Every structure is written in structure tokens, then in C-alpha cells.
Amino acid sequence: MNNGKTLTDRFLVALFRRGKAAYLPISYLKEQGDKVLSKGETDKLLTVLAEMTAKGVLEVKDNQYKLIHDPFA
């Protein structure tokens, strides 16, 4: 599905807020992104996750990510 949506910090924060567990695996984030984002947008996922982790928004543990600070709240 190509509806022109791009991967943003806000999109990822929304995924974490509605996630079913405290820590979410990359596979879940990619799967959910592929459902609604433009083709190829989830290819940037690792870069965006790394940037958000460096900013202190996310925490990584065993290749799973947790939202620790919502910059949009």
C-alpha cells in the first residue's frame, strides 16, 4: 500500500503507546510500519530508532525497544 506516509518519530511513539508490551521487538515495529507507511519507509527504521535512543526517548534491551520519554506528551 502506497499512501504517501513517512516514518517519523511521532509515528514510532504512537506505535509504542499502543503496543501490547513494555519492550517491542524490531520485527513488530517493522510489521506495523509496513501496514501503513509508504513502501521503503521502514528501511529507515534502524536509523530512526538509533537517533531516538541517543536522544533519550527510547531504551534498548536485548534488541527490543521501550519508550521511556514521550516528547509529544
PDB file of N, CA and C in Angstrom:
ATOM      1  N   MET A   1       0.840  -1.162   0.000  1.00  0.00           N
ATOM      2  CA  MET A   1       0.000   0.000   0.000  1.00  0.00           C
ATOM      3  C   MET A   1       0.891   1.232   0.000  1.00  0.00           C
ATOM      4  N   ASN A   2       0.665   2.134  -0.906  1.00  0.00           N
ATOM      5  CA  ASN A   2       1.464   3.342  -1.002  1.00  0.00           C
ATOM      6  C   ASN A   2       0.552   4.547  -0.852  1.00  0.00           C
ATOM      7  N   ASN A   3       0.449   5.060   0.363  1.00  0.00           N
ATOM      8  CA  ASN A   3      -0.425   6.194   0.608  1.00  0.00           C
ATOM      9  C   ASN A   3       0.349   7.444   0.992  1.00  0.00           C
ATOM     10  N   GLY A   4       1.659   7.448   0.804  1.00  0.00           N
ATOM     11  CA  GLY A   4       2.463   8.637   0.997  1.00  0.00           C
ATOM     12  C   GLY A   4       2.876   8.944   2.422  1.00  0.00           C
ATOM     13  N   LYS A   5       2.651   8.047   3.364  1.00  0.00           N
ATOM     14  CA  LYS A   5       3.034   8.314   4.752  1.00  0.00           C
ATOM     15  C   LYS A   5       4.511   8.005   4.953  1.00  0.00           C
ATOM     16  N   THR A   6       5.158   8.829   5.769  1.00  0.00           N
ATOM     17  CA  THR A   6       6.580   8.659   6.023  1.00  0.00           C
ATOM     18  C   THR A   6       6.820   8.259   7.480  1.00  0.00           C
ATOM     19  N   LEU A   7       7.956   7.645   7.712  1.00  0.00           N
ATOM     20  CA  LEU A   7       8.353   7.229   9.055  1.00  0.00           C
ATOM     21  C   LEU A   7       8.841   8.451   9.821  1.00  0.00           C
ATOM     22  N   THR A   8       8.208   8.722  10.949  1.00  0.00           N
ATOM     23  CA  THR A   8       8.587   9.860  11.786  1.00  0.00           C
ATOM     24  C   THR A   8       8.710   9.412  13.239  1.00  0.00           C
ATOM     25  N   ASP A   9       9.338  10.258  14.052  1.00  0.00           N
ATOM     26  CA  ASP A   9       9.417   9.995  15.487  1.00  0.00           C
ATOM     27  C   ASP A   9       8.017   9.865  16.072  1.00  0.00           C
ATOM     28  N   ARG A  10       7.118  10.733  15.648  1.00  0.00           N
ATOM     29  CA  ARG A  10       5.745  10.737  16.163  1.00  0.00           C
ATOM     30  C   ARG A  10       5.037   9.415  15.857  1.00  0.00           C
ATOM     31  N   PHE A  11       5.255   8.880  14.656  1.00  0.00           N
ATOM     32  CA  PHE A  11       4.654   7.601  14.285  1.00  0.00           C
ATOM     33  C   PHE A  11       5.154   6.493  15.206  1.00  0.00           C
ATOM     34  N   LEU A  12       6.461   6.464  15.446  1.00  0.00           N
ATOM     35  CA  LEU A  12       7.028   5.426  16.313  1.00  0.00           C
ATOM     36  C   LEU A  12       6.537   5.560  17.757  1.00  0.00           C
ATOM     37  N   VAL A  13       6.432   6.780  18.259  1.00  0.00           N
ATOM     38  CA  VAL A  13       5.919   6.979  19.613  1.00  0.00           C
ATOM     39  C   VAL A  13       4.490   6.442  19.703  1.00  0.00           C
ATOM     40  N   ALA A  14       3.686   6.693  18.684  1.00  0.00           N
ATOM     41  CA  ALA A  14       2.309   6.179  18.670  1.00  0.00           C
ATOM     42  C   ALA A  14       2.298   4.650  18.698  1.00  0.00           C
ATOM     43  N   LEU A  15       3.203   4.019  17.966  1.00  0.00           N
ATOM     44  CA  LEU A  15       3.285   2.552  17.989  1.00  0.00           C
ATOM     45  C   LEU A  15       3.620   2.042  19.391  1.00  0.00           C
ATOM     46  N   PHE A  16       4.556   2.697  20.050  1.00  0.00           N
ATOM     47  CA  PHE A  16       4.935   2.277  21.396  1.00  0.00           C
ATOM     48  C   PHE A  16       3.782   2.473  22.373  1.00  0.00           C
ATOM     49  N   ARG A  17       3.043   3.553  22.227  1.00  0.00           N
ATOM     50  CA  ARG A  17       1.943   3.828  23.144  1.00  0.00           C
ATOM     51  C   ARG A  17       0.832   2.805  23.018  1.00  0.00           C
ATOM     52  N   ARG A  18       0.633   2.257  21.824  1.00  0.00           N
ATOM     53  CA  ARG A  18      -0.438   1.270  21.671  1.00  0.00           C
ATOM     54  C   ARG A  18       0.075  -0.170  21.677  1.00  0.00           C
ATOM     55  N   GLY A  19       1.379  -0.344  21.855  1.00  0.00           N
ATOM     56  CA  GLY A  19       1.970  -1.684  21.905  1.00  0.00           C
ATOM     57  C   GLY A  19       1.457  -2.485  23.089  1.00  0.00           C
ATOM     58  N   LYS A  20       1.514  -3.788  22.965  1.00  0.00           N
ATOM     59  CA  LYS A  20       0.960  -4.686  23.982  1.00  0.00           C
ATOM     60  C   LYS A  20       1.968  -5.056  25.073  1.00  0.00           C
ATOM     61  N   ALA A  21       3.215  -4.634  24.930  1.00  0.00           N
ATOM     62  CA  ALA A  21       4.250  -4.972  25.910  1.00  0.00           C
ATOM     63  C   ALA A  21       5.136  -3.752  26.148  1.00  0.00           C
ATOM     64  N   ALA A  22       5.850  -3.761  27.260  1.00  0.00           N
ATOM     65  CA  ALA A  22       6.741  -2.644  27.572  1.00  0.00           C
ATOM     66  C   ALA A  22       7.866  -2.533  26.545  1.00  0.00           C
ATOM     67  N   TYR A  23       8.464  -3.672  26.192  1.00  0.00           N
ATOM     68  CA  TYR A  23       9.536  -3.706  25.201  1.00  0.00           C
ATOM     69  C   TYR A  23       8.996  -4.304  23.914  1.00  0.00           C
ATOM     70  N   LEU A  24       9.238  -3.631  22.791  1.00  0.00           N
ATOM     71  CA  LEU A  24       8.744  -4.099  21.497  1.00  0.00           C
ATOM     72  C   LEU A  24       9.911  -4.475  20.590  1.00  0.00           C
ATOM     73  N   PRO A  25       9.814  -5.624  19.924  1.00  0.00           N
ATOM     74  CA  PRO A  25      10.880  -6.041  19.011  1.00  0.00           C
ATOM     75  C   PRO A  25      10.834  -5.262  17.698  1.00  0.00           C
ATOM     76  N   ILE A  26      11.975  -5.191  17.053  1.00  0.00           N
ATOM     77  CA  ILE A  26      12.065  -4.509  15.763  1.00  0.00           C
ATOM     78  C   ILE A  26      11.096  -5.121  14.759  1.00  0.00           C
ATOM     79  N   SER A  27      10.926  -6.434  14.803  1.00  0.00           N
ATOM     80  CA  SER A  27      10.027  -7.099  13.849  1.00  0.00           C
ATOM     81  C   SER A  27       8.595  -6.581  13.976  1.00  0.00           C
ATOM     82  N   TYR A  28       8.132  -6.330  15.190  1.00  0.00           N
ATOM     83  CA  TYR A  28       6.785  -5.792  15.399  1.00  0.00           C
ATOM     84  C   TYR A  28       6.688  -4.382  14.825  1.00  0.00           C
ATOM     85  N   LEU A  29       7.685  -3.555  15.120  1.00  0.00           N
ATOM     86  CA  LEU A  29       7.671  -2.176  14.629  1.00  0.00           C
ATOM     87  C   LEU A  29       7.688  -2.142  13.104  1.00  0.00           C
ATOM     88  N   LYS A  30       8.499  -2.997  12.498  1.00  0.00           N
ATOM     89  CA  LYS A  30       8.576  -3.062  11.035  1.00  0.00           C
ATOM     90  C   LYS A  30       7.255  -3.546  10.447  1.00  0.00           C
ATOM     91  N   GLU A  31       6.683  -4.581  11.036  1.00  0.00           N
ATOM     92  CA  GLU A  31       5.412  -5.131  10.547  1.00  0.00           C
ATOM     93  C   GLU A  31       4.301  -4.078  10.587  1.00  0.00           C
ATOM     94  N   GLN A  32       4.205  -3.370  11.694  1.00  0.00           N
ATOM     95  CA  GLN A  32       3.177  -2.341  11.825  1.00  0.00           C
ATOM     96  C   GLN A  32       3.431  -1.180  10.866  1.00  0.00           C
ATOM     97  N   GLY A  33       4.692  -0.805  10.704  1.00  0.00           N
ATOM     98  CA  GLY A  33       5.034   0.261   9.770  1.00  0.00           C
ATOM     99  C   GLY A  33       4.722  -0.107   8.337  1.00  0.00           C
ATOM    100  N   ASP A  34       4.998  -1.347   7.965  1.00  0.00           N
ATOM    101  CA  ASP A  34       4.721  -1.799   6.596  1.00  0.00           C
ATOM    102  C   ASP A  34       3.236  -1.744   6.264  1.00  0.00           C
ATOM    103  N   LYS A  35       2.389  -1.822   7.276  1.00  0.00           N
ATOM    104  CA  LYS A  35       0.939  -1.789   7.046  1.00  0.00           C
ATOM    105  C   LYS A  35       0.453  -0.411   6.608  1.00  0.00           C
ATOM    106  N   VAL A  36       1.101   0.653   7.083  1.00  0.00           N
ATOM    107  CA  VAL A  36       0.562   1.994   6.844  1.00  0.00           C
ATOM    108  C   VAL A  36       1.517   2.984   6.174  1.00  0.00           C
ATOM    109  N   LEU A  37       2.802   2.697   6.179  1.00  0.00           N
ATOM    110  CA  LEU A  37       3.767   3.639   5.608  1.00  0.00           C
ATOM    111  C   LEU A  37       3.999   3.369   4.131  1.00  0.00           C
ATOM    112  N   SER A  38       4.531   4.369   3.446  1.00  0.00           N
ATOM    113  CA  SER A  38       4.904   4.212   2.043  1.00  0.00           C
ATOM    114  C   SER A  38       5.948   3.118   1.913  1.00  0.00           C
ATOM    115  N   LYS A  39       5.972   2.490   0.761  1.00  0.00           N
ATOM    116  CA  LYS A  39       6.929   1.410   0.507  1.00  0.00           C
ATOM    117  C   LYS A  39       8.357   1.918   0.706  1.00  0.00           C
ATOM    118  N   GLY A  40       9.142   1.156   1.442  1.00  0.00           N
ATOM    119  CA  GLY A  40      10.537   1.504   1.677  1.00  0.00           C
ATOM    120  C   GLY A  40      10.782   2.368   2.901  1.00  0.00           C
ATOM    121  N   GLU A  41       9.738   2.911   3.504  1.00  0.00           N
ATOM    122  CA  GLU A  41       9.924   3.780   4.674  1.00  0.00           C
ATOM    123  C   GLU A  41      10.496   3.023   5.863  1.00  0.00           C
ATOM    124  N   THR A  42      10.103   1.765   6.037  1.00  0.00           N
ATOM    125  CA  THR A  42      10.613   1.023   7.197  1.00  0.00           C
ATOM    126  C   THR A  42      12.083   0.638   7.035  1.00  0.00           C
ATOM    127  N   ASP A  43      12.648   0.864   5.852  1.00  0.00           N
ATOM    128  CA  ASP A  43      14.086   0.646   5.672  1.00  0.00           C
ATOM    129  C   ASP A  43      14.893   1.615   6.540  1.00  0.00           C
ATOM    130  N   LYS A  44      14.286   2.724   6.927  1.00  0.00           N
ATOM    131  CA  LYS A  44      14.939   3.743   7.755  1.00  0.00           C
ATOM    132  C   LYS A  44      14.757   3.468   9.247  1.00  0.00           C
ATOM    133  N   LEU A  45      14.047   2.393   9.579  1.00  0.00           N
ATOM    134  CA  LEU A  45      13.664   2.121  10.962  1.00  0.00           C
ATOM    135  C   LEU A  45      14.851   2.076  11.919  1.00  0.00           C
ATOM    136  N   LEU A  46      15.887   1.337  11.588  1.00  0.00           N
ATOM    137  CA  LEU A  46      17.036   1.207  12.496  1.00  0.00           C
ATOM    138  C   LEU A  46      17.712   2.545  12.751  1.00  0.00           C
ATOM    139  N   THR A  47      17.809   3.368  11.723  1.00  0.00           N
ATOM    140  CA  THR A  47      18.417   4.690  11.871  1.00  0.00           C
ATOM    141  C   THR A  47      17.590   5.564  12.804  1.00  0.00           C
ATOM    142  N   VAL A  48      16.280   5.575  12.594  1.00  0.00           N
ATOM    143  CA  VAL A  48      15.398   6.396  13.428  1.00  0.00           C
ATOM    144  C   VAL A  48      15.400   5.892  14.873  1.00  0.00           C
ATOM    145  N   LEU A  49      15.381   4.584  15.058  1.00  0.00           N
ATOM    146  CA  LEU A  49      15.437   4.026  16.414  1.00  0.00           C
ATOM    147  C   LEU A  49      16.738   4.417  17.110  1.00  0.00           C
ATOM    148  N   ALA A  50      17.856   4.369  16.400  1.00  0.00           N
ATOM    149  CA  ALA A  50      19.152   4.750  16.975  1.00  0.00           C
ATOM    150  C   ALA A  50      19.161   6.227  17.369  1.00  0.00           C
ATOM    151  N   GLU A  51      18.594   7.076  16.520  1.00  0.00           N
ATOM    152  CA  GLU A  51      18.534   8.511  16.820  1.00  0.00           C
ATOM    153  C   GLU A  51      17.671   8.775  18.052  1.00  0.00           C
ATOM    154  N   MET A  52      16.536   8.097  18.127  1.00  0.00           N
ATOM    155  CA  MET A  52      15.639   8.290  19.270  1.00  0.00           C
ATOM    156  C   MET A  52      16.258   7.752  20.558  1.00  0.00           C
ATOM    157  N   THR A  53      17.026   6.679  20.459  1.00  0.00           N
ATOM    158  CA  THR A  53      17.720   6.133  21.625  1.00  0.00           C
ATOM    159  C   THR A  53      18.791   7.115  22.095  1.00  0.00           C
ATOM    160  N   ALA A  54      19.526   7.701  21.160  1.00  0.00           N
ATOM    161  CA  ALA A  54      20.564   8.678  21.500  1.00  0.00           C
ATOM    162  C   ALA A  54      19.967   9.922  22.164  1.00  0.00           C
ATOM    163  N   LYS A  55      18.737  10.282  21.794  1.00  0.00           N
ATOM    164  CA  LYS A  55      18.062  11.448  22.377  1.00  0.00           C
ATOM    165  C   LYS A  55      17.457  11.144  23.744  1.00  0.00           C
ATOM    166  N   GLY A  56      17.469   9.876  24.147  1.00  0.00           N
ATOM    167  CA  GLY A  56      16.891   9.504  25.432  1.00  0.00           C
ATOM    168  C   GLY A  56      15.398   9.245  25.395  1.00  0.00           C
ATOM    169  N   VAL A  57      14.844   9.094  24.211  1.00  0.00           N
ATOM    170  CA  VAL A  57      13.413   8.822  24.063  1.00  0.00           C
ATOM    171  C   VAL A  57      13.135   7.332  24.235  1.00  0.00           C
ATOM    172  N   LEU A  58      14.042   6.504  23.735  1.00  0.00           N
ATOM    173  CA  LEU A  58      13.890   5.053  23.792  1.00  0.00           C
ATOM    174  C   LEU A  58      15.019   4.419  24.582  1.00  0.00           C
ATOM    175  N   GLU A  59      14.743   3.232  25.086  1.00  0.00           N
ATOM    176  CA  GLU A  59      15.741   2.401  25.748  1.00  0.00           C
ATOM    177  C   GLU A  59      15.785   1.082  24.985  1.00  0.00           C
ATOM    178  N   VAL A  60      16.984   0.541  24.795  1.00  0.00           N
ATOM    179  CA  VAL A  60      17.115  -0.737  24.090  1.00  0.00           C
ATOM    180  C   VAL A  60      17.645  -1.787  25.052  1.00  0.00           C
ATOM    181  N   LYS A  61      17.036  -2.979  24.972  1.00  0.00           N
ATOM    182  CA  LYS A  61      17.450  -4.103  25.816  1.00  0.00           C
ATOM    183  C   LYS A  61      17.177  -5.374  25.033  1.00  0.00           C
ATOM    184  N   ASP A  62      18.220  -6.155  24.793  1.00  0.00           N
ATOM    185  CA  ASP A  62      18.085  -7.420  24.052  1.00  0.00           C
ATOM    186  C   ASP A  62      17.406  -7.221  22.697  1.00  0.00           C
ATOM    187  N   ASN A  63      17.823  -6.199  21.964  1.00  0.00           N
ATOM    188  CA  ASN A  63      17.275  -5.881  20.638  1.00  0.00           C
ATOM    189  C   ASN A  63      15.784  -5.579  20.653  1.00  0.00           C
ATOM    190  N   GLN A  64      15.274  -5.139  21.792  1.00  0.00           N
ATOM    191  CA  GLN A  64      13.894  -4.687  21.890  1.00  0.00           C
ATOM    192  C   GLN A  64      13.916  -3.272  22.452  1.00  0.00           C
ATOM    193  N   TYR A  65      12.930  -2.488  22.066  1.00  0.00           N
ATOM    194  CA  TYR A  65      12.916  -1.077  22.425  1.00  0.00           C
ATOM    195  C   TYR A  65      11.743  -0.746  23.332  1.00  0.00           C
ATOM    196  N   LYS A  66      11.983   0.224  24.226  1.00  0.00           N
ATOM    197  CA  LYS A  66      10.954   0.676  25.162  1.00  0.00           C
ATOM    198  C   LYS A  66      10.912   2.198  25.125  1.00  0.00           C
ATOM    199  N   LEU A  67       9.718   2.748  25.106  1.00  0.00           N
ATOM    200  CA  LEU A  67       9.533   4.190  25.171  1.00  0.00           C
ATOM    201  C   LEU A  67       9.727   4.627  26.620  1.00  0.00           C
ATOM    202  N   ILE A  68      10.717   5.493  26.866  1.00  0.00           N
ATOM    203  CA  ILE A  68      10.955   5.956  28.232  1.00  0.00           C
ATOM    204  C   ILE A  68      10.622   7.433  28.408  1.00  0.00           C
ATOM    205  N   HIS A  69      10.472   8.152  27.307  1.00  0.00           N
ATOM    206  CA  HIS A  69      10.116   9.574  27.371  1.00  0.00           C
ATOM    207  C   HIS A  69       9.334   9.927  26.117  1.00  0.00           C
ATOM    208  N   ASP A  70       8.112  10.399  26.286  1.00  0.00           N
ATOM    209  CA  ASP A  70       7.279  10.797  25.149  1.00  0.00           C
ATOM    210  C   ASP A  70       7.480  12.286  24.890  1.00  0.00           C
ATOM    211  N   PRO A  71       8.210  12.647  23.843  1.00  0.00           N
ATOM    212  CA  PRO A  71       8.467  14.062  23.576  1.00  0.00           C
ATOM    213  C   PRO A  71       7.237  14.811  23.072  1.00  0.00           C
ATOM    214  N   PHE A  72       6.166  14.112  22.775  1.00  0.00           N
ATOM    215  CA  PHE A  72       4.964  14.738  22.233  1.00  0.00           C
ATOM    216  C   PHE A  72       3.836  14.832  23.252  1.00  0.00           C
ATOM    217  N   ALA A  73       4.086  14.384  24.479  1.00  0.00           N
ATOM    218  CA  ALA A  73       3.040  14.403  25.518  1.00  0.00           C
ATOM    219  C   ALA A  73       2.926  15.791  26.120  1.00  0.00           C
TER     220      ALA A  73
END
